Amino acid sequence: MPEPAGLETGLHSIISAARAFTVVHCCALSVPFGMIKGAGADAAGCDLSKLGRAGEDGLAEAVEAGLGILAGVIPATGTAGAPEPPPASAAAQVVTGLWQRLGWPVARNGPAGPERVAAQVVLTPACGMAGATAGYARAAMARCREAARLLPELIEEEQR
């Protein structure tokens, strides 16, 4: 396996050739946010449910460094026990819960306030949806939009 510096250099070569807004998605349990940012990506996508404490710390550093985040908050496919995506409020609470665990302030214009959340974090399905039915995929995307609309309100409520 190549060394991290070699991986970052290779990723940088690909990203710089794109000459467009770039997003790197990683399904691993340990997302290399620093490497993704160092390689020049504009944003990183990941499944928030897979991040452990170390992953959350890496995510925090990436957000503070200005990396855009595609936050996977809705399962990519339904299951026999849960054929529908979770409610939008549950998806939004994944993000606000993470904000709380990281100790970020929720002041209106602060470093993790609603305006910054809206500008820097996009709520998405956790991973690609190739295995999802068309109905599930539409519902999952709708829940992501609804959850994003709920975020500022939930952050304001937690501030009170």
N, C-alpha and C. Protein backbone atom coordinates (compact mmCIF):
# COMPACT_ATOMS: atom_id res chain seq x y z
N MET A 1 0.85 -1.18 0.00
CA MET A 1 0.00 0.00 0.00
C MET A 1 0.89 1.24 0.00
N PRO A 2 0.58 2.22 -0.86
CA PRO A 2 1.39 3.43 -0.93
C PRO A 2 1.34 4.21 0.37
N GLU A 3 2.38 5.00 0.59
CA GLU A 3 2.46 5.87 1.77
C GLU A 3 1.42 6.99 1.63
N PRO A 4 0.93 7.53 2.77
CA PRO A 4 -0.07 8.60 2.71
C PRO A 4 0.37 9.79 1.85
N ALA A 5 1.65 10.17 1.93
CA ALA A 5 2.12 11.31 1.13
C ALA A 5 1.97 11.01 -0.36
N GLY A 6 2.28 9.78 -0.76
CA GLY A 6 2.12 9.39 -2.15
C GLY A 6 0.68 9.38 -2.59
N LEU A 7 -0.20 8.94 -1.70
CA LEU A 7 -1.64 8.95 -2.00
C LEU A 7 -2.14 10.38 -2.16
N GLU A 8 -1.70 11.26 -1.27
CA GLU A 8 -2.13 12.65 -1.36
C GLU A 8 -1.63 13.29 -2.65
N THR A 9 -0.40 12.99 -3.03
CA THR A 9 0.16 13.53 -4.27
C THR A 9 -0.63 13.03 -5.48
N GLY A 10 -0.95 11.74 -5.50
CA GLY A 10 -1.73 11.19 -6.60
C GLY A 10 -3.13 11.78 -6.66
N LEU A 11 -3.76 11.93 -5.50
CA LEU A 11 -5.09 12.52 -5.45
C LEU A 11 -5.04 13.97 -5.92
N HIS A 12 -3.99 14.68 -5.51
CA HIS A 12 -3.82 16.07 -5.95
C HIS A 12 -3.71 16.16 -7.47
N SER A 13 -3.00 15.23 -8.08
CA SER A 13 -2.86 15.22 -9.54
C SER A 13 -4.22 15.09 -10.22
N ILE A 14 -5.04 14.21 -9.70
CA ILE A 14 -6.38 14.00 -10.27
C ILE A 14 -7.24 15.24 -10.06
N ILE A 15 -7.24 15.77 -8.85
CA ILE A 15 -8.07 16.93 -8.53
C ILE A 15 -7.66 18.14 -9.36
N SER A 16 -6.37 18.39 -9.47
CA SER A 16 -5.92 19.56 -10.22
C SER A 16 -6.22 19.43 -11.71
N ALA A 17 -6.28 18.21 -12.21
CA ALA A 17 -6.61 18.01 -13.63
C ALA A 17 -8.09 18.29 -13.90
N ALA A 18 -8.92 18.15 -12.88
CA ALA A 18 -10.36 18.33 -13.07
C ALA A 18 -10.73 19.78 -13.37
N ARG A 19 -10.04 20.72 -12.78
CA ARG A 19 -10.33 22.15 -12.97
C ARG A 19 -11.80 22.47 -12.74
N ALA A 20 -12.35 21.88 -11.72
CA ALA A 20 -13.76 22.09 -11.35
C ALA A 20 -13.88 21.89 -9.85
N PHE A 21 -15.03 22.22 -9.31
CA PHE A 21 -15.30 21.96 -7.90
C PHE A 21 -15.20 20.45 -7.69
N THR A 22 -14.41 20.03 -6.72
CA THR A 22 -14.18 18.60 -6.54
C THR A 22 -14.63 18.13 -5.17
N VAL A 23 -15.24 16.95 -5.17
CA VAL A 23 -15.69 16.29 -3.95
C VAL A 23 -15.08 14.90 -3.93
N VAL A 24 -14.49 14.54 -2.81
CA VAL A 24 -13.97 13.19 -2.63
C VAL A 24 -14.86 12.51 -1.60
N HIS A 25 -15.47 11.39 -1.99
CA HIS A 25 -16.31 10.64 -1.06
C HIS A 25 -15.50 9.45 -0.54
N CYS A 26 -15.61 9.21 0.76
CA CYS A 26 -14.90 8.09 1.37
C CYS A 26 -15.87 7.31 2.25
N CYS A 27 -15.98 6.02 1.99
CA CYS A 27 -16.87 5.16 2.78
C CYS A 27 -16.15 4.47 3.94
N ALA A 28 -14.87 4.74 4.09
CA ALA A 28 -14.08 4.08 5.13
C ALA A 28 -14.49 4.53 6.53
N LEU A 29 -14.15 3.72 7.51
CA LEU A 29 -14.41 4.09 8.90
C LEU A 29 -13.49 5.23 9.34
N SER A 30 -12.31 5.30 8.75
CA SER A 30 -11.35 6.34 9.08
C SER A 30 -11.16 7.22 7.84
N VAL A 31 -11.91 8.29 7.75
CA VAL A 31 -11.86 9.18 6.59
C VAL A 31 -10.63 10.08 6.71
N PRO A 32 -9.76 10.09 5.70
CA PRO A 32 -8.56 10.93 5.77
C PRO A 32 -8.86 12.38 5.36
N PHE A 33 -9.62 13.09 6.20
CA PHE A 33 -10.03 14.46 5.86
C PHE A 33 -8.83 15.35 5.58
N GLY A 34 -7.78 15.23 6.39
CA GLY A 34 -6.59 16.06 6.18
C GLY A 34 -5.96 15.82 4.82
N MET A 35 -5.88 14.56 4.43
CA MET A 35 -5.32 14.22 3.12
C MET A 35 -6.20 14.77 2.01
N ILE A 36 -7.50 14.65 2.16
CA ILE A 36 -8.43 15.13 1.14
C ILE A 36 -8.29 16.64 0.99
N LYS A 37 -8.23 17.36 2.11
CA LYS A 37 -8.05 18.81 2.08
C LYS A 37 -6.67 19.14 1.50
N GLY A 38 -5.64 18.43 1.95
CA GLY A 38 -4.29 18.68 1.48
C GLY A 38 -4.11 18.44 -0.01
N ALA A 39 -4.90 17.53 -0.56
CA ALA A 39 -4.82 17.23 -1.98
C ALA A 39 -5.53 18.28 -2.83
N GLY A 40 -6.24 19.19 -2.18
CA GLY A 40 -6.88 20.28 -2.91
C GLY A 40 -8.35 20.11 -3.19
N ALA A 41 -8.99 19.10 -2.61
CA ALA A 41 -10.43 18.93 -2.82
C ALA A 41 -11.18 20.09 -2.19
N ASP A 42 -12.32 20.41 -2.77
CA ASP A 42 -13.16 21.47 -2.23
C ASP A 42 -14.09 20.95 -1.14
N ALA A 43 -14.41 19.65 -1.19
CA ALA A 43 -15.33 19.06 -0.23
C ALA A 43 -15.04 17.58 -0.08
N ALA A 44 -15.50 17.05 1.05
CA ALA A 44 -15.38 15.61 1.32
C ALA A 44 -16.76 15.09 1.71
N GLY A 45 -17.08 13.89 1.23
CA GLY A 45 -18.34 13.26 1.58
C GLY A 45 -18.08 12.01 2.39
N CYS A 46 -18.93 11.78 3.40
CA CYS A 46 -18.77 10.58 4.23
C CYS A 46 -20.09 10.25 4.91
N ASP A 47 -20.16 9.05 5.43
CA ASP A 47 -21.30 8.56 6.20
C ASP A 47 -21.06 8.94 7.65
N LEU A 48 -21.80 9.90 8.17
CA LEU A 48 -21.58 10.36 9.54
C LEU A 48 -21.78 9.25 10.57
N SER A 49 -22.61 8.26 10.26
CA SER A 49 -22.86 7.19 11.23
C SER A 49 -21.64 6.30 11.43
N LYS A 50 -20.69 6.34 10.52
CA LYS A 50 -19.50 5.49 10.63
C LYS A 50 -18.35 6.16 11.37
N LEU A 51 -18.44 7.47 11.60
CA LEU A 51 -17.33 8.18 12.23
C LEU A 51 -17.28 7.88 13.72
N GLY A 52 -16.13 7.48 14.18
CA GLY A 52 -15.89 7.36 15.61
C GLY A 52 -15.39 8.69 16.12
N ARG A 53 -14.97 8.73 17.35
CA ARG A 53 -14.49 9.99 17.94
C ARG A 53 -13.30 10.55 17.16
N ALA A 54 -12.36 9.70 16.77
CA ALA A 54 -11.20 10.18 16.00
C ALA A 54 -11.66 10.75 14.67
N GLY A 55 -12.62 10.11 14.03
CA GLY A 55 -13.16 10.61 12.77
C GLY A 55 -13.86 11.94 12.94
N GLU A 56 -14.58 12.07 14.06
CA GLU A 56 -15.25 13.34 14.34
C GLU A 56 -14.24 14.46 14.54
N ASP A 57 -13.12 14.16 15.20
CA ASP A 57 -12.08 15.16 15.39
C ASP A 57 -11.49 15.57 14.05
N GLY A 58 -11.26 14.60 13.16
CA GLY A 58 -10.75 14.91 11.82
C GLY A 58 -11.74 15.74 11.03
N LEU A 59 -13.01 15.43 11.17
CA LEU A 59 -14.06 16.21 10.50
C LEU A 59 -14.05 17.64 11.03
N ALA A 60 -13.93 17.80 12.34
CA ALA A 60 -13.91 19.14 12.94
C ALA A 60 -12.75 19.95 12.38
N GLU A 61 -11.58 19.35 12.30
CA GLU A 61 -10.41 20.05 11.75
C GLU A 61 -10.65 20.45 10.30
N ALA A 62 -11.28 19.56 9.53
CA ALA A 62 -11.55 19.85 8.12
C ALA A 62 -12.54 21.00 7.97
N VAL A 63 -13.59 21.01 8.79
CA VAL A 63 -14.58 22.08 8.73
C VAL A 63 -13.92 23.40 9.11
N GLU A 64 -13.13 23.38 10.18
CA GLU A 64 -12.47 24.60 10.62
C GLU A 64 -11.47 25.10 9.58
N ALA A 65 -10.93 24.19 8.75
CA ALA A 65 -10.00 24.57 7.69
C ALA A 65 -10.74 25.02 6.43
N GLY A 66 -12.07 24.96 6.43
CA GLY A 66 -12.86 25.44 5.31
C GLY A 66 -13.27 24.40 4.29
N LEU A 67 -13.03 23.12 4.56
CA LEU A 67 -13.43 22.07 3.63
C LEU A 67 -14.94 21.93 3.64
N GLY A 68 -15.56 21.88 2.48
CA GLY A 68 -16.99 21.62 2.40
C GLY A 68 -17.26 20.18 2.80
N ILE A 69 -18.41 19.92 3.37
CA ILE A 69 -18.74 18.58 3.84
C ILE A 69 -20.07 18.13 3.25
N LEU A 70 -20.06 16.97 2.61
CA LEU A 70 -21.28 16.31 2.19
C LEU A 70 -21.54 15.25 3.25
N ALA A 71 -22.40 15.60 4.18
CA ALA A 71 -22.63 14.80 5.38
C ALA A 71 -23.70 13.75 5.12
N GLY A 72 -23.29 12.49 5.05
CA GLY A 72 -24.22 11.39 4.84
C GLY A 72 -25.04 11.13 6.08
N VAL A 73 -26.32 11.46 6.03
CA VAL A 73 -27.19 11.34 7.20
C VAL A 73 -28.39 10.42 6.98
N ILE A 74 -28.59 9.97 5.75
CA ILE A 74 -29.71 9.08 5.42
C ILE A 74 -29.12 7.81 4.83
N PRO A 75 -29.52 6.62 5.32
CA PRO A 75 -29.01 5.38 4.72
C PRO A 75 -29.25 5.38 3.21
N ALA A 76 -28.29 4.83 2.48
CA ALA A 76 -28.36 4.84 1.01
C ALA A 76 -29.42 3.90 0.45
N THR A 77 -29.77 2.89 1.20
CA THR A 77 -30.81 1.95 0.75
C THR A 77 -31.70 1.59 1.93
N GLY A 78 -32.90 1.21 1.62
CA GLY A 78 -33.82 0.74 2.65
C GLY A 78 -33.50 -0.71 2.99
N THR A 79 -34.04 -1.17 4.08
CA THR A 79 -33.87 -2.56 4.49
C THR A 79 -35.26 -3.17 4.67
N ALA A 80 -35.29 -4.46 4.83
CA ALA A 80 -36.58 -5.14 5.03
C ALA A 80 -37.30 -4.58 6.26
N GLY A 81 -36.53 -4.26 7.31
CA GLY A 81 -37.13 -3.72 8.53
C GLY A 81 -37.41 -2.23 8.46
N ALA A 82 -36.75 -1.53 7.55
CA ALA A 82 -36.92 -0.08 7.42
C ALA A 82 -36.92 0.29 5.94
N PRO A 83 -38.04 0.02 5.24
CA PRO A 83 -38.07 0.27 3.80
C PRO A 83 -38.13 1.75 3.43
N GLU A 84 -38.40 2.62 4.39
CA GLU A 84 -38.46 4.07 4.16
C GLU A 84 -37.27 4.74 4.84
N PRO A 85 -36.81 5.86 4.30
CA PRO A 85 -35.75 6.61 4.98
C PRO A 85 -36.25 7.13 6.33
N PRO A 86 -35.32 7.39 7.26
CA PRO A 86 -35.74 7.93 8.56
C PRO A 86 -36.32 9.33 8.38
N PRO A 87 -37.05 9.82 9.39
CA PRO A 87 -37.62 11.16 9.30
C PRO A 87 -36.54 12.23 9.16
N ALA A 88 -36.91 13.33 8.54
CA ALA A 88 -35.97 14.44 8.33
C ALA A 88 -35.45 14.97 9.66
N SER A 89 -36.30 15.00 10.67
CA SER A 89 -35.86 15.52 11.98
C SER A 89 -34.74 14.66 12.56
N ALA A 90 -34.82 13.35 12.37
CA ALA A 90 -33.76 12.46 12.87
C ALA A 90 -32.45 12.71 12.13
N ALA A 91 -32.54 12.92 10.82
CA ALA A 91 -31.34 13.20 10.03
C ALA A 91 -30.71 14.52 10.44
N ALA A 92 -31.52 15.54 10.66
CA ALA A 92 -31.00 16.84 11.09
C ALA A 92 -30.36 16.74 12.47
N GLN A 93 -30.94 15.93 13.34
CA GLN A 93 -30.40 15.78 14.69
C GLN A 93 -29.05 15.06 14.69
N VAL A 94 -28.76 14.28 13.67
CA VAL A 94 -27.43 13.68 13.54
C VAL A 94 -26.40 14.80 13.47
N VAL A 95 -26.68 15.82 12.68
CA VAL A 95 -25.74 16.93 12.51
C VAL A 95 -25.67 17.79 13.77
N THR A 96 -26.83 18.14 14.35
CA THR A 96 -26.79 18.98 15.54
C THR A 96 -26.16 18.23 16.71
N GLY A 97 -26.38 16.93 16.79
CA GLY A 97 -25.73 16.13 17.84
C GLY A 97 -24.22 16.15 17.68
N LEU A 98 -23.76 16.02 16.45
CA LEU A 98 -22.33 16.08 16.18
C LEU A 98 -21.78 17.45 16.57
N TRP A 99 -22.49 18.51 16.20
CA TRP A 99 -22.05 19.87 16.55
C TRP A 99 -21.89 19.97 18.07
N GLN A 100 -22.85 19.44 18.82
CA GLN A 100 -22.78 19.50 20.29
C GLN A 100 -21.59 18.71 20.82
N ARG A 101 -21.39 17.49 20.31
CA ARG A 101 -20.27 16.67 20.78
C ARG A 101 -18.93 17.34 20.53
N LEU A 102 -18.85 18.09 19.44
CA LEU A 102 -17.60 18.77 19.10
C LEU A 102 -17.44 20.06 19.89
N GLY A 103 -18.49 20.47 20.59
CA GLY A 103 -18.41 21.67 21.41
C GLY A 103 -18.42 22.96 20.61
N TRP A 104 -18.94 22.90 19.39
CA TRP A 104 -18.97 24.11 18.58
C TRP A 104 -20.07 25.03 19.06
N PRO A 105 -19.78 26.32 19.10
CA PRO A 105 -20.83 27.27 19.48
C PRO A 105 -21.90 27.31 18.40
N VAL A 106 -23.09 27.69 18.80
CA VAL A 106 -24.18 27.76 17.84
C VAL A 106 -24.71 29.18 17.70
N ALA A 107 -23.84 30.15 18.00
CA ALA A 107 -24.25 31.54 17.83
C ALA A 107 -24.64 31.78 16.37
N ARG A 108 -25.58 32.66 16.17
CA ARG A 108 -26.14 32.88 14.84
C ARG A 108 -25.07 33.06 13.77
N ASN A 109 -24.09 33.88 13.99
CA ASN A 109 -23.06 34.11 12.98
C ASN A 109 -21.71 33.55 13.42
N GLY A 110 -21.70 32.70 14.43
CA GLY A 110 -20.45 32.15 14.94
C GLY A 110 -19.84 31.13 13.99
N PRO A 111 -18.72 30.54 14.41
CA PRO A 111 -18.00 29.62 13.55
C PRO A 111 -18.80 28.37 13.17
N ALA A 112 -19.83 28.04 13.90
CA ALA A 112 -20.66 26.88 13.54
C ALA A 112 -22.13 27.25 13.58
N GLY A 113 -22.43 28.52 13.35
CA GLY A 113 -23.81 28.97 13.37
C GLY A 113 -24.58 28.50 12.15
N PRO A 114 -25.89 28.74 12.14
CA PRO A 114 -26.73 28.27 11.04
C PRO A 114 -26.27 28.72 9.66
N GLU A 115 -25.77 29.94 9.55
CA GLU A 115 -25.33 30.42 8.25
C GLU A 115 -24.15 29.61 7.74
N ARG A 116 -23.23 29.29 8.63
CA ARG A 116 -22.06 28.50 8.21
C ARG A 116 -22.48 27.08 7.87
N VAL A 117 -23.38 26.51 8.65
CA VAL A 117 -23.86 25.16 8.35
C VAL A 117 -24.43 25.13 6.94
N ALA A 118 -25.28 26.10 6.63
CA ALA A 118 -25.91 26.13 5.32
C ALA A 118 -24.90 26.34 4.21
N ALA A 119 -23.86 27.10 4.47
CA ALA A 119 -22.87 27.40 3.43
C ALA A 119 -21.83 26.30 3.25
N GLN A 120 -21.57 25.53 4.29
CA GLN A 120 -20.45 24.59 4.24
C GLN A 120 -20.85 23.12 4.31
N VAL A 121 -22.02 22.82 4.81
CA VAL A 121 -22.42 21.43 4.99
C VAL A 121 -23.68 21.14 4.17
N VAL A 122 -23.62 20.09 3.37
CA VAL A 122 -24.74 19.65 2.56
C VAL A 122 -25.15 18.27 3.09
N LEU A 123 -26.42 18.09 3.38
CA LEU A 123 -26.90 16.80 3.87
C LEU A 123 -27.20 15.90 2.67
N THR A 124 -26.71 14.68 2.74
CA THR A 124 -26.83 13.75 1.62
C THR A 124 -27.15 12.35 2.13
N PRO A 125 -27.48 11.44 1.22
CA PRO A 125 -27.50 10.03 1.61
C PRO A 125 -26.07 9.61 2.00
N ALA A 126 -25.97 8.56 2.78
CA ALA A 126 -24.68 8.13 3.31
C ALA A 126 -23.68 7.69 2.24
N CYS A 127 -24.17 7.14 1.17
CA CYS A 127 -23.30 6.64 0.12
C CYS A 127 -24.08 6.64 -1.19
N GLY A 128 -23.51 6.05 -2.22
CA GLY A 128 -24.20 5.96 -3.50
C GLY A 128 -25.49 5.18 -3.35
N MET A 129 -26.43 5.45 -4.21
CA MET A 129 -27.76 4.85 -4.08
C MET A 129 -28.06 3.87 -5.20
N ALA A 130 -27.03 3.28 -5.79
CA ALA A 130 -27.23 2.36 -6.90
C ALA A 130 -28.11 1.17 -6.51
N GLY A 131 -28.08 0.76 -5.25
CA GLY A 131 -28.87 -0.38 -4.81
C GLY A 131 -30.26 -0.01 -4.32
N ALA A 132 -30.59 1.27 -4.34
CA ALA A 132 -31.89 1.72 -3.83
C ALA A 132 -32.94 1.65 -4.94
N THR A 133 -34.17 1.48 -4.53
CA THR A 133 -35.27 1.57 -5.50
C THR A 133 -35.44 3.04 -5.86
N ALA A 134 -36.09 3.31 -6.97
CA ALA A 134 -36.32 4.69 -7.39
C ALA A 134 -37.15 5.44 -6.33
N GLY A 135 -38.15 4.77 -5.78
CA GLY A 135 -38.98 5.39 -4.75
C GLY A 135 -38.20 5.73 -3.50
N TYR A 136 -37.33 4.82 -3.07
CA TYR A 136 -36.52 5.07 -1.89
C TYR A 136 -35.56 6.23 -2.16
N ALA A 137 -34.94 6.23 -3.33
CA ALA A 137 -33.98 7.29 -3.67
C ALA A 137 -34.65 8.66 -3.65
N ARG A 138 -35.84 8.77 -4.23
CA ARG A 138 -36.56 10.04 -4.22
C ARG A 138 -36.90 10.45 -2.79
N ALA A 139 -37.37 9.50 -1.99
CA ALA A 139 -37.72 9.80 -0.60
C ALA A 139 -36.49 10.21 0.21
N ALA A 140 -35.37 9.53 -0.02
CA ALA A 140 -34.13 9.86 0.71
C ALA A 140 -33.66 11.27 0.38
N MET A 141 -33.71 11.64 -0.89
CA MET A 141 -33.30 12.98 -1.28
C MET A 141 -34.25 14.03 -0.70
N ALA A 142 -35.53 13.73 -0.69
CA ALA A 142 -36.50 14.66 -0.10
C ALA A 142 -36.23 14.84 1.39
N ARG A 143 -35.90 13.75 2.08
CA ARG A 143 -35.61 13.84 3.52
C ARG A 143 -34.34 14.65 3.76
N CYS A 144 -33.36 14.53 2.89
CA CYS A 144 -32.14 15.33 3.03
C CYS A 144 -32.48 16.82 2.90
N ARG A 145 -33.30 17.18 1.92
CA ARG A 145 -33.70 18.59 1.75
C ARG A 145 -34.47 19.08 2.97
N GLU A 146 -35.42 18.27 3.44
CA GLU A 146 -36.21 18.65 4.62
C GLU A 146 -35.31 18.83 5.84
N ALA A 147 -34.38 17.91 6.02
CA ALA A 147 -33.47 17.98 7.17
C ALA A 147 -32.62 19.25 7.11
N ALA A 148 -32.15 19.60 5.92
CA ALA A 148 -31.35 20.81 5.76
C ALA A 148 -32.16 22.05 6.13
N ARG A 149 -33.42 22.05 5.77
CA ARG A 149 -34.29 23.19 6.12
C ARG A 149 -34.51 23.27 7.64
N LEU A 150 -34.49 22.14 8.31
CA LEU A 150 -34.71 22.10 9.76
C LEU A 150 -33.48 22.52 10.56
N LEU A 151 -32.29 22.39 10.00
CA LEU A 151 -31.07 22.64 10.76
C LEU A 151 -31.03 24.00 11.46
N PRO A 152 -31.22 25.11 10.75
CA PRO A 152 -31.14 26.40 11.46
C PRO A 152 -32.10 26.49 12.64
N GLU A 153 -33.32 25.97 12.46
CA GLU A 153 -34.32 25.99 13.53
C GLU A 153 -33.86 25.15 14.73
N LEU A 154 -33.33 23.96 14.47
CA LEU A 154 -32.86 23.10 15.55
C LEU A 154 -31.68 23.72 16.28
N ILE A 155 -30.80 24.36 15.54
CA ILE A 155 -29.64 25.01 16.17
C ILE A 155 -30.12 26.16 17.05
N GLU A 156 -31.06 26.93 16.56
CA GLU A 156 -31.61 28.04 17.35
C GLU A 156 -32.26 27.51 18.63
N GLU A 157 -33.03 26.41 18.52
CA GLU A 157 -33.69 25.83 19.71
C GLU A 157 -32.68 25.38 20.73
N GLU A 158 -31.58 24.78 20.28
CA GLU A 158 -30.56 24.30 21.22
C GLU A 158 -29.87 25.45 21.91
N GLN A 159 -29.86 26.60 21.27
CA GLN A 159 -29.21 27.79 21.82
C GLN A 159 -30.00 28.32 23.01
N ARG A 160 -31.31 28.07 23.02
CA ARG A 160 -32.18 28.61 24.09
C ARG A 160 -32.06 27.85 25.36
